[in-house]
Protein backbone atom coordinates (compact mmCIF):
# COMPACT_ATOMS: atom_id res chain seq x y z
CA UNK A 1 106.39 187.12 195.29
CA UNK A 2 107.64 183.68 195.21
CA UNK A 3 106.17 180.13 194.64
CA UNK A 4 105.89 178.40 198.05
CA UNK A 5 107.28 175.08 196.66
CA UNK A 6 110.13 176.93 195.41
CA UNK A 7 110.88 178.42 198.93
CA UNK A 8 110.71 175.04 200.26
CA UNK A 9 113.21 173.52 198.25
CA UNK A 10 115.52 171.42 200.27
CA UNK A 11 113.40 171.49 203.23
CA UNK A 12 112.41 168.01 204.56
CA UNK A 13 108.71 168.11 204.85
CA UNK A 14 106.91 165.84 207.38
CA UNK A 15 103.29 166.30 206.12
CA UNK A 16 101.39 168.80 204.07
CA UNK A 17 97.86 170.25 204.39
CA UNK A 18 96.87 172.58 201.52
CA UNK A 19 98.54 173.66 198.38
CA UNK A 20 102.39 174.75 198.20
CA UNK A 21 101.45 176.18 194.57
CA UNK A 22 100.72 179.38 196.30
CA UNK A 23 102.38 182.85 195.86
CA UNK A 24 104.48 184.15 199.07
CA UNK A 25 105.15 187.39 199.45
CA UNK A 26 107.40 187.38 202.30
CA UNK A 27 108.67 185.21 205.31
CA UNK A 28 108.19 185.80 209.15
CA UNK A 29 108.96 184.23 212.52
CA UNK A 30 107.71 187.06 214.26
CA UNK A 31 103.58 187.22 213.99
CA UNK A 32 103.31 190.68 214.51
CA UNK A 33 105.28 191.12 211.31
CA UNK A 34 103.16 189.13 209.36
CA UNK A 35 100.81 190.80 206.61
CA UNK A 36 98.59 189.27 203.81
CA UNK A 37 100.10 186.41 201.83
CA UNK A 38 102.99 185.83 204.26
CA UNK A 39 104.34 182.64 205.29
CA UNK A 40 104.63 182.59 209.12
CA UNK A 41 107.34 179.86 210.62
CA UNK A 42 106.41 179.00 214.19
CA UNK A 43 109.75 178.49 216.05
CA UNK A 44 110.08 176.79 219.46
CA UNK A 45 112.55 179.28 221.18
CA UNK A 46 114.14 179.31 224.65
CA UNK A 47 111.96 182.12 225.94
CA UNK A 48 108.59 181.71 223.45
CA UNK A 49 106.91 179.14 221.35
CA UNK A 50 105.94 180.60 218.09
CA UNK A 51 103.27 177.91 217.80
CA UNK A 52 101.21 180.00 220.13
CA UNK A 53 101.12 182.86 217.57
CA UNK A 54 99.86 180.57 214.61
CA UNK A 55 96.30 181.90 215.01
CA UNK A 56 97.13 185.20 215.32
CA UNK A 57 99.27 185.10 212.29
CA UNK A 58 96.42 184.00 210.20
CA UNK A 59 93.96 186.48 211.23
CA UNK A 60 96.85 189.13 209.92
CA UNK A 61 96.83 187.32 206.56
CA UNK A 62 99.41 184.39 206.69
CA UNK A 63 98.66 182.05 203.70
CA UNK A 64 100.88 179.53 205.13
CA UNK A 65 102.37 178.14 208.07
CA UNK A 66 105.48 176.15 208.82
CA UNK A 67 105.37 174.48 212.17
CA UNK A 68 106.41 171.45 214.06
CA UNK A 69 102.99 170.39 215.35
CA UNK A 70 99.74 171.10 213.35
CA UNK A 71 97.31 173.19 215.20
CA UNK A 72 94.02 171.83 216.34
CA UNK A 73 92.32 174.22 213.94
CA UNK A 74 93.08 173.63 210.48
CA UNK A 75 91.59 176.47 207.90
CA UNK A 76 90.92 175.50 204.55
CA UNK A 77 92.33 178.53 202.72
CA UNK A 78 95.68 178.13 204.64
CA UNK A 79 98.59 175.71 203.87
CA UNK A 80 100.09 174.05 206.65
CA UNK A 81 103.66 172.46 206.41
CA UNK A 82 104.92 170.28 209.41
CA UNK A 83 108.71 169.77 209.91
CA UNK A 84 110.87 168.39 212.21
CA UNK A 85 112.71 171.55 213.25
CA UNK A 86 111.33 174.91 212.35
CA UNK A 87 114.65 177.13 212.68
CA UNK A 88 116.24 174.47 210.29
CA UNK A 89 113.37 174.86 207.95
CA UNK A 90 113.49 178.89 208.16
CA UNK A 91 117.40 179.09 207.46
CA UNK A 92 116.69 176.78 204.13
CA UNK A 93 113.77 178.77 203.19
CA UNK A 94 115.62 182.24 203.80
CA UNK A 95 118.07 181.18 201.37
CA UNK A 96 116.10 180.11 199.12
CA UNK A 97 113.73 183.12 199.22
CA UNK A 98 116.85 185.51 198.44
CA UNK A 99 117.95 183.35 195.59
CA UNK A 100 120.88 181.57 197.88
CA UNK A 101 123.08 184.73 197.68
CA UNK A 102 125.94 182.81 199.73
CA UNK A 103 126.89 181.03 196.53
CA UNK A 104 127.65 184.36 194.44
CA UNK A 105 130.62 185.39 196.89
CA UNK A 106 133.21 183.83 199.10
CA UNK A 107 131.73 183.85 202.49
CA UNK A 108 134.07 183.00 205.42
CA UNK A 109 132.85 182.39 208.90
CA UNK A 110 134.88 182.77 212.11
CA UNK A 111 133.89 181.30 215.37
CA UNK A 112 135.27 181.02 218.87
CA UNK A 113 134.99 182.30 222.31
CA UNK A 114 137.41 185.49 221.68
CA UNK A 115 138.77 187.05 218.42
CA UNK A 116 135.84 186.79 216.19
CA UNK A 117 135.32 190.52 215.85
CA UNK A 118 138.95 191.37 215.38
CA UNK A 119 139.40 188.69 212.94
CA UNK A 120 136.15 189.38 210.86
CA UNK A 121 136.89 193.14 210.98
CA UNK A 122 140.53 193.03 209.98
CA UNK A 123 139.86 190.58 207.23
CA UNK A 124 137.19 193.07 205.82
CA UNK A 125 139.67 195.90 206.06
CA UNK A 126 142.54 194.04 204.38
CA UNK A 127 140.63 193.10 201.44
CA UNK A 128 139.39 196.67 200.99
CA UNK A 129 142.73 197.72 201.13
CA UNK A 130 143.48 195.04 198.27
CA UNK A 131 141.02 196.64 195.97
CA UNK A 132 138.15 194.17 196.57
CA UNK A 133 134.45 194.82 196.96
CA UNK A 134 133.97 193.22 200.93
CA UNK A 135 131.17 192.51 203.20
CA UNK A 136 131.25 192.30 206.66
CA UNK A 137 128.55 190.54 209.39
CA UNK A 138 129.82 191.45 213.12
CA UNK A 139 128.72 192.54 216.28
CA UNK A 140 130.10 196.00 215.73
CA UNK A 141 128.52 196.38 212.53
CA UNK A 142 127.41 195.27 209.14
CA UNK A 143 129.06 196.37 205.92
CA UNK A 144 127.94 196.00 202.39
CA UNK A 145 131.13 197.29 201.05
CA UNK A 146 131.19 201.11 201.84
CA UNK A 147 127.85 201.10 203.28
CA UNK A 148 127.35 200.73 207.15
CA UNK A 149 124.27 199.12 208.91
CA UNK A 150 123.83 198.82 212.63
CA UNK A 151 124.20 195.14 214.15
CA UNK A 152 121.99 193.84 216.88
CA UNK A 153 123.24 190.29 217.27
CA UNK A 154 126.87 188.62 216.63
CA UNK A 155 125.04 186.35 214.16
CA UNK A 156 121.80 187.86 212.80
CA UNK A 157 118.64 185.83 212.20
CA UNK A 158 118.50 183.64 208.96
CA UNK A 159 116.25 186.13 207.01
CA UNK A 160 118.44 189.22 208.11
CA UNK A 161 121.82 187.41 207.03
CA UNK A 162 120.39 186.06 203.32
CA UNK A 163 118.73 189.72 202.98
CA UNK A 164 122.32 191.26 203.53
CA UNK A 165 123.87 188.54 201.60
CA UNK A 166 121.78 189.50 198.62
CA UNK A 167 122.47 193.20 198.88
CA UNK A 168 125.99 192.38 198.62
CA UNK A 169 125.47 189.88 195.94
CA UNK A 170 123.82 192.83 193.91
CA UNK A 171 126.54 195.24 194.78
CA UNK A 172 129.16 192.99 193.48
CA UNK A 173 130.72 192.04 196.70
CA UNK A 174 133.30 189.30 196.14
CA UNK A 175 134.29 188.30 200.04
CA UNK A 176 132.10 188.52 203.08
CA UNK A 177 133.43 187.72 206.38
CA UNK A 178 131.18 186.91 209.13
CA UNK A 179 130.88 186.14 213.04
CA UNK A 180 129.52 182.83 213.80
CA UNK A 181 128.46 182.71 217.26
CA UNK A 182 127.36 179.43 219.50
CA UNK A 183 123.93 180.90 219.85
CA UNK A 184 123.48 181.27 215.97
CA UNK A 185 124.98 177.78 215.25
CA UNK A 186 122.81 176.22 217.98
CA UNK A 187 119.62 177.93 216.63
CA UNK A 188 120.61 176.87 212.96
CA UNK A 189 121.09 180.56 211.70
CA UNK A 190 123.99 179.54 209.29
CA UNK A 191 122.30 176.40 207.85
CA UNK A 192 121.53 176.70 204.11
CA UNK A 193 124.77 179.13 203.75
CA UNK A 194 127.61 178.10 201.40
CA UNK A 195 130.73 178.59 203.16
CA UNK A 196 134.10 179.17 201.55
CA UNK A 197 136.10 178.54 204.80
CA UNK A 198 135.82 178.56 208.71
CA UNK A 199 138.24 179.83 211.01
CA UNK A 200 138.35 178.77 215.01
CA UNK A 201 139.79 181.15 217.14
CA UNK A 202 139.99 179.49 220.77
CA UNK A 203 137.55 178.31 223.25
CA UNK A 204 137.00 179.54 227.07
CA UNK A 205 134.57 179.90 229.54
CA UNK A 206 131.52 181.73 228.20
CA UNK A 207 127.72 181.55 227.44
CA UNK A 208 127.23 178.57 229.95
CA UNK A 209 123.85 180.64 231.07
CA UNK A 210 122.57 179.39 227.16
CA UNK A 211 124.60 176.05 226.82
CA UNK A 212 124.27 173.83 229.91
CA UNK A 213 127.84 172.61 229.73
CA UNK A 214 131.46 173.31 228.36
CA UNK A 215 131.20 170.32 226.54
CA UNK A 216 128.23 171.28 224.87
CA UNK A 217 129.45 174.73 223.98
CA UNK A 218 132.38 173.08 222.29
CA UNK A 219 130.34 170.69 220.41
CA UNK A 220 128.04 173.43 219.10
CA UNK A 221 131.05 175.55 217.76
CA UNK A 222 132.00 172.02 216.18
CA UNK A 223 128.82 171.73 214.45
CA UNK A 224 129.55 174.55 212.10
CA UNK A 225 132.93 172.69 210.89
CA UNK A 226 130.86 169.48 210.46
CA UNK A 227 128.82 171.46 208.05
CA UNK A 228 131.45 172.90 205.99
CA UNK A 229 131.65 171.51 202.32
CA UNK A 230 134.55 169.50 200.95
CA UNK A 231 135.16 172.84 198.87
CA UNK A 232 135.94 174.81 201.75
CA UNK A 233 138.93 175.27 204.16
CA UNK A 234 138.68 174.62 208.05
CA UNK A 235 141.55 176.74 209.69
CA UNK A 236 142.01 176.07 213.56
CA UNK A 237 143.92 177.28 216.52
CA UNK A 238 146.44 174.52 216.78
CA UNK A 239 147.57 175.99 220.48
CA UNK A 240 143.98 175.62 221.72
CA UNK A 241 143.32 172.14 223.01
CA UNK A 242 140.08 172.33 221.30
CA UNK A 243 141.32 173.20 217.95
CA UNK A 244 141.88 169.45 216.70
CA UNK A 245 138.50 168.64 217.97
CA UNK A 246 137.03 171.15 215.72
CA UNK A 247 138.44 169.34 212.63
CA UNK A 248 137.33 165.80 213.70
CA UNK A 249 134.28 165.08 211.39
CA UNK A 250 135.05 168.24 208.83
CA UNK A 251 134.79 167.39 205.00
CA UNK A 252 136.62 170.72 204.38
CA UNK A 253 140.51 170.83 203.75
CA UNK A 254 142.16 171.26 207.13
CA UNK A 255 144.73 173.87 208.30
CA UNK A 256 146.20 174.92 211.73
CA UNK A 257 147.67 178.20 212.97
CA UNK A 258 149.98 178.33 215.95
CA UNK A 259 152.70 180.19 217.95
CA UNK A 260 153.54 177.47 220.19
CA UNK A 261 153.20 174.10 218.29
CA UNK A 262 153.68 172.71 214.88
CA UNK A 263 151.29 174.12 212.68
CA UNK A 264 150.90 175.13 208.72
CA UNK A 265 151.15 178.61 209.54
CA UNK A 266 153.60 179.70 212.53
CA UNK A 267 154.14 182.83 214.03
CA UNK A 268 156.82 184.45 216.54
CA UNK A 269 156.68 187.42 218.66
CA UNK A 270 160.12 189.56 218.13
CA UNK A 271 158.92 192.51 219.81
CA UNK A 272 155.81 193.59 221.71
CA UNK A 273 155.35 197.11 222.63
CA UNK A 274 152.42 199.68 223.25
CA UNK A 275 152.77 200.67 219.53
CA UNK A 276 152.63 197.55 217.83
CA UNK A 277 154.08 193.99 217.30
CA UNK A 278 157.14 192.61 215.30
CA UNK A 279 156.06 189.49 214.08
CA UNK A 280 157.58 186.86 212.00
CA UNK A 281 154.86 185.14 210.09
CA UNK A 282 156.19 181.90 208.27
CA UNK A 283 159.83 183.34 208.07
CA UNK A 284 158.38 186.64 206.93
CA UNK A 285 158.89 189.44 209.49
CA UNK A 286 156.15 192.22 209.70
CA UNK A 287 155.52 195.20 212.11
CA UNK A 288 151.59 195.42 212.86
CA UNK A 289 150.01 198.28 214.88
CA UNK A 290 148.03 196.02 217.13
CA UNK A 291 149.31 194.71 220.33
CA UNK A 292 149.60 191.61 222.63
CA UNK A 293 150.05 187.93 222.18
CA UNK A 294 146.40 187.34 221.61
CA UNK A 295 146.70 189.75 218.45
CA UNK A 296 149.46 187.75 217.55
CA UNK A 297 147.14 184.87 216.86
CA UNK A 298 144.48 186.98 215.31
CA UNK A 299 147.25 188.55 212.63
CA UNK A 300 148.33 185.04 212.06
CA UNK A 301 144.80 183.46 211.21
CA UNK A 302 144.37 186.64 208.98
CA UNK A 303 147.41 185.91 207.23
CA UNK A 304 146.62 182.29 206.60
CA UNK A 305 143.03 183.19 205.57
CA UNK A 306 144.20 185.56 203.02
CA UNK A 307 146.64 183.02 201.44
CA UNK A 308 143.68 180.47 201.45
CA UNK A 309 141.60 182.99 199.60
CA UNK A 310 144.25 183.56 197.04
CA UNK A 311 145.87 186.79 197.75
CA UNK A 312 149.77 187.09 197.04
CA UNK A 313 151.93 186.78 200.22
CA UNK A 314 153.96 189.78 199.84
CA UNK A 315 150.94 191.96 199.25
CA UNK A 316 149.34 190.46 202.26
CA UNK A 317 152.17 191.26 204.24
CA UNK A 318 152.28 194.82 203.48
CA UNK A 319 148.52 195.36 204.12
CA UNK A 320 148.75 193.69 207.31
CA UNK A 321 151.39 196.13 208.17
CA UNK A 322 148.59 198.88 207.60
CA UNK A 323 145.80 197.40 209.41
CA UNK A 324 144.29 199.38 212.27
CA UNK A 325 142.80 198.20 215.47
CA UNK A 326 138.93 197.62 215.68
CA UNK A 327 136.86 199.86 217.72
CA UNK A 328 137.05 198.63 221.62
CA UNK A 329 139.50 196.19 221.12
CA UNK A 330 142.71 197.17 222.75
CA UNK A 331 141.65 200.77 221.84
CA UNK A 332 144.17 203.11 223.82
CA UNK A 333 145.18 206.67 224.28
CA UNK A 334 148.04 208.25 226.15
CA UNK A 335 147.19 211.60 227.97
CA UNK A 336 149.37 214.72 228.13
CA UNK A 337 150.43 213.31 231.67
CA UNK A 338 151.54 210.27 230.10
CA UNK A 339 148.65 208.22 231.49
CA UNK A 340 147.63 205.21 229.09
CA UNK A 341 144.13 204.50 229.24
CA UNK A 342 142.82 201.17 227.54
CA UNK A 343 139.30 200.07 226.54
CA UNK A 344 138.85 196.39 225.70
CA UNK A 345 135.72 194.44 225.31
CA UNK A 346 137.24 191.56 227.51
CA UNK A 347 133.90 190.19 229.03
CA UNK A 348 135.23 186.52 229.63
CA UNK A 349 137.87 185.45 232.20
CA UNK A 350 140.07 184.20 229.25
CA UNK A 351 139.97 187.61 227.58
CA UNK A 352 140.58 189.73 230.50
CA UNK A 353 143.44 187.37 231.58
CA UNK A 354 144.87 187.98 228.13
CA UNK A 355 144.54 191.55 228.05
CA UNK A 356 145.99 191.97 231.67
CA UNK A 357 148.98 189.76 230.92
CA UNK A 358 149.50 191.73 227.61
CA UNK A 359 150.01 194.98 229.67
CA UNK A 360 152.29 193.40 232.54
CA UNK A 361 153.99 191.77 229.48
CA UNK A 362 155.02 195.21 227.98
CA UNK A 363 155.01 197.69 231.08
CA UNK A 364 158.36 198.12 233.08
CA UNK A 365 156.61 197.29 236.53
CA UNK A 366 157.29 201.11 237.72
CA UNK A 367 153.69 201.97 236.83
CA UNK A 368 150.53 200.66 238.46
CA UNK A 369 147.86 198.97 236.43
CA UNK A 370 144.29 200.21 237.49
CA UNK A 371 141.51 198.10 236.09
CA UNK A 372 137.79 199.37 235.98
CA UNK A 373 135.83 196.10 235.40
CA UNK A 374 132.01 194.41 235.81
CA UNK A 375 129.95 191.64 234.38
CA UNK A 376 126.67 191.93 232.65
CA UNK A 377 123.43 191.03 233.99
CA UNK A 378 121.17 188.21 233.15
CA UNK A 379 124.20 186.20 231.68
CA UNK A 380 126.12 183.44 232.75
CA UNK A 381 126.78 184.10 236.75
CA UNK A 382 129.66 181.39 237.13
CA UNK A 383 132.24 183.50 235.50
CA UNK A 384 132.08 186.55 237.76
CA UNK A 385 134.02 185.00 240.58
CA UNK A 386 136.69 184.30 237.96
CA UNK A 387 136.74 187.86 236.73
CA UNK A 388 137.12 189.09 240.38
CA UNK A 389 140.02 186.79 240.53
CA UNK A 390 141.89 187.49 237.65
CA UNK A 391 141.40 191.40 237.84
CA UNK A 392 142.60 191.55 241.45
CA UNK A 393 145.44 189.13 240.97
CA UNK A 394 146.79 190.76 237.68
CA UNK A 395 146.13 194.28 238.56
CA UNK A 396 147.56 196.66 241.17
CA UNK A 397 144.43 198.44 241.71
CA UNK A 398 140.84 197.26 240.71
CA UNK A 399 137.46 199.21 240.43
CA UNK A 400 134.46 196.68 240.44
CA UNK A 401 131.44 198.29 238.79
CA UNK A 402 128.35 197.90 236.62
CA UNK A 403 128.57 196.70 233.15
CA UNK A 404 125.23 196.08 231.70
CA UNK A 405 123.43 195.21 234.62
CA UNK A 406 120.08 194.60 232.51
CA UNK A 407 117.28 193.26 234.71
CA UNK A 408 119.57 192.55 237.43
CA UNK A 409 120.58 194.42 240.91
CA UNK A 410 124.21 195.87 240.04
CA UNK A 411 125.28 195.32 243.56
CA UNK A 412 124.46 191.52 243.77
CA UNK A 413 126.53 191.08 240.47
CA UNK A 414 129.64 193.33 242.01
CA UNK A 415 128.99 190.85 245.14
CA UNK A 416 129.51 187.74 242.92
CA UNK A 417 132.55 189.02 241.39
CA UNK A 418 134.32 190.23 244.66
CA UNK A 419 133.75 186.25 245.76
CA UNK A 420 136.63 185.46 243.58
CA UNK A 421 139.11 187.80 245.23
CA UNK A 422 141.52 186.36 247.26
CA UNK A 423 142.21 187.61 250.66
CA UNK A 424 145.55 189.14 249.84
CA UNK A 425 144.26 190.99 247.09
CA UNK A 426 141.07 192.60 249.13
CA UNK A 427 143.26 196.01 249.80
CA UNK A 428 143.59 196.46 245.99
CA UNK A 429 139.73 196.62 245.33
CA UNK A 430 137.20 198.93 245.70
CA UNK A 431 133.40 198.81 244.41
CA UNK A 432 131.56 201.81 242.87
CA UNK A 433 128.32 200.81 241.17
CA UNK A 434 128.00 203.83 238.91
CA UNK A 435 130.22 203.00 235.97
CA UNK A 436 130.90 206.77 235.10
CA UNK A 437 132.06 207.46 238.64
CA UNK A 438 134.39 204.12 238.79
CA UNK A 439 136.02 205.59 235.48
CA UNK A 440 136.55 209.10 237.12
CA UNK A 441 137.92 207.43 240.01
CA UNK A 442 140.38 205.30 238.15
CA UNK A 443 141.48 208.63 236.28
CA UNK A 444 141.97 210.20 239.93
CA UNK A 445 143.88 207.23 241.18
CA UNK A 446 146.20 207.29 238.22
CA UNK A 447 149.71 208.88 238.37
CA UNK A 448 151.92 209.56 235.23
CA UNK A 449 152.89 206.40 233.27
CA UNK A 450 150.24 204.56 234.93
CA UNK A 451 147.75 202.35 232.86
CA UNK A 452 144.06 202.09 233.32
CA UNK A 453 142.35 199.41 231.73
CA UNK A 454 138.30 199.66 231.24
CA UNK A 455 137.21 196.18 230.48
CA UNK A 456 134.02 194.47 229.28
CA UNK A 457 132.16 196.69 226.99
CA UNK A 458 134.56 197.82 224.53
CA UNK A 459 133.12 199.33 221.24
CA UNK A 460 129.31 199.35 223.03
CA UNK A 461 127.96 202.96 222.89
CA UNK A 462 125.36 202.40 225.79
CA UNK A 463 124.67 200.92 229.05
CA UNK A 464 121.60 198.85 229.64
CA UNK A 465 119.80 198.92 233.18
CA UNK A 466 116.37 197.73 234.10
CA UNK A 467 115.62 197.19 230.46
CA UNK A 468 116.46 200.70 229.16
CA UNK A 469 119.30 201.82 227.19
CA UNK A 470 121.41 204.98 227.66
CA UNK A 471 124.34 206.50 225.92
CA UNK A 472 127.44 205.15 227.25
CA UNK A 473 130.91 205.22 225.73
CA UNK A 474 133.81 203.98 227.91
CA UNK A 475 136.66 205.63 225.14
CA UNK A 476 135.02 208.84 225.02
CA UNK A 477 134.35 208.91 229.21
CA UNK A 478 137.80 208.36 230.02
CA UNK A 479 139.24 210.52 227.16
CA UNK A 480 137.26 213.45 228.77
CA UNK A 481 138.17 212.59 232.59
CA UNK A 482 141.75 212.73 231.43
CA UNK A 483 141.27 216.02 229.84
CA UNK A 484 139.73 217.39 232.94
CA UNK A 485 142.62 216.35 234.98
CA UNK A 486 145.13 218.31 232.80
CA UNK A 487 143.41 221.58 233.61
């Protein structure tokens, strides 16, 4: 139990009705979870307004309500707190309730369109190899040192973040690496957290179903760096035109990394093969098991972050050479017939282009590149033709299929993708709605030495159709079909 006024520390209060000297059991923003002596925080979301559920929360036993507008009926035995923004209040309250755990470890946030999961996960891997207790908050999973928990959002809600950070603190975790999504920043989920540093990867077309414009999307990302304390570091990609924008108003110590332009941390690709990269990182050569230019950027960001967090350079280089690729990020296998199958999370135009350009850079051009790709339903529709254009322009054959259609009609999504295919590339493409059948067809089309890219779902082990999830793992499925071809 905590005292309400302690939970409200540093929350800007517009008005209070009732006592803040009451004992509180828990905090909830979902009224259905409220029990006796809980605080209910009414948040105005994009889909629903929590203010509609205040009365229900009180009936379930809420002892206090935090809201942006007082309800018409005020009950004398309930404390009402009026604030300007309930989501901001929730973030600060969550940190206070769990004892501000982010202050007890070194928390580093990674934001950008592509590369967040890879950088956060590999930093977790690297610091574990260096002998530290480490935490991870990512799209793929949540790790409290060696214990794994399932992840539901790229950036969880404020209560969930602080709950896990408290567990990490209690377990003696020293470093935590966290993906920070634009949704998470916009909804103030990271407010109230003390960051040791922030990393910006890149910015490209994504989430315009949520953000009205690209400029808004960029500025939301920038807000994360604006909020960093002066004791933190801000590390940005100097080759991305938005990298400098992120640093414009930050109080943090600023650093850049780049392959093409002048930067504090520089990398040069000496060799690029399917079995890895030979890189020069600030004049130090290192062989890594990851593939492609986009991973050279990721490795460089990891190298810079490790140094900024105090790791010894030679030790960092040794550990970087041992890093293994993240599930669903350029994850590949080679069948007995020498067919290479690659599974990648590429679900944005920029990410798909990066992966296909990497494949085309490495291959000898005697092989075919067969791409299986779709687009998610109930998400940004404007990127669909771009995905179709890139896939058909950079592959020798393309199978358009379903991703996670969600509530949309799969055929309609595929039609949107096909609109981006230029006339000269029509003959390269075919459409198969069933994703499993599409992967099977790609395997049947492949000859020895050909390359199959299955893009879009990566690490996901499910497919969502009409609101229902069923088991679906791209890597397992392509592996099974290639085995069948061997018989």
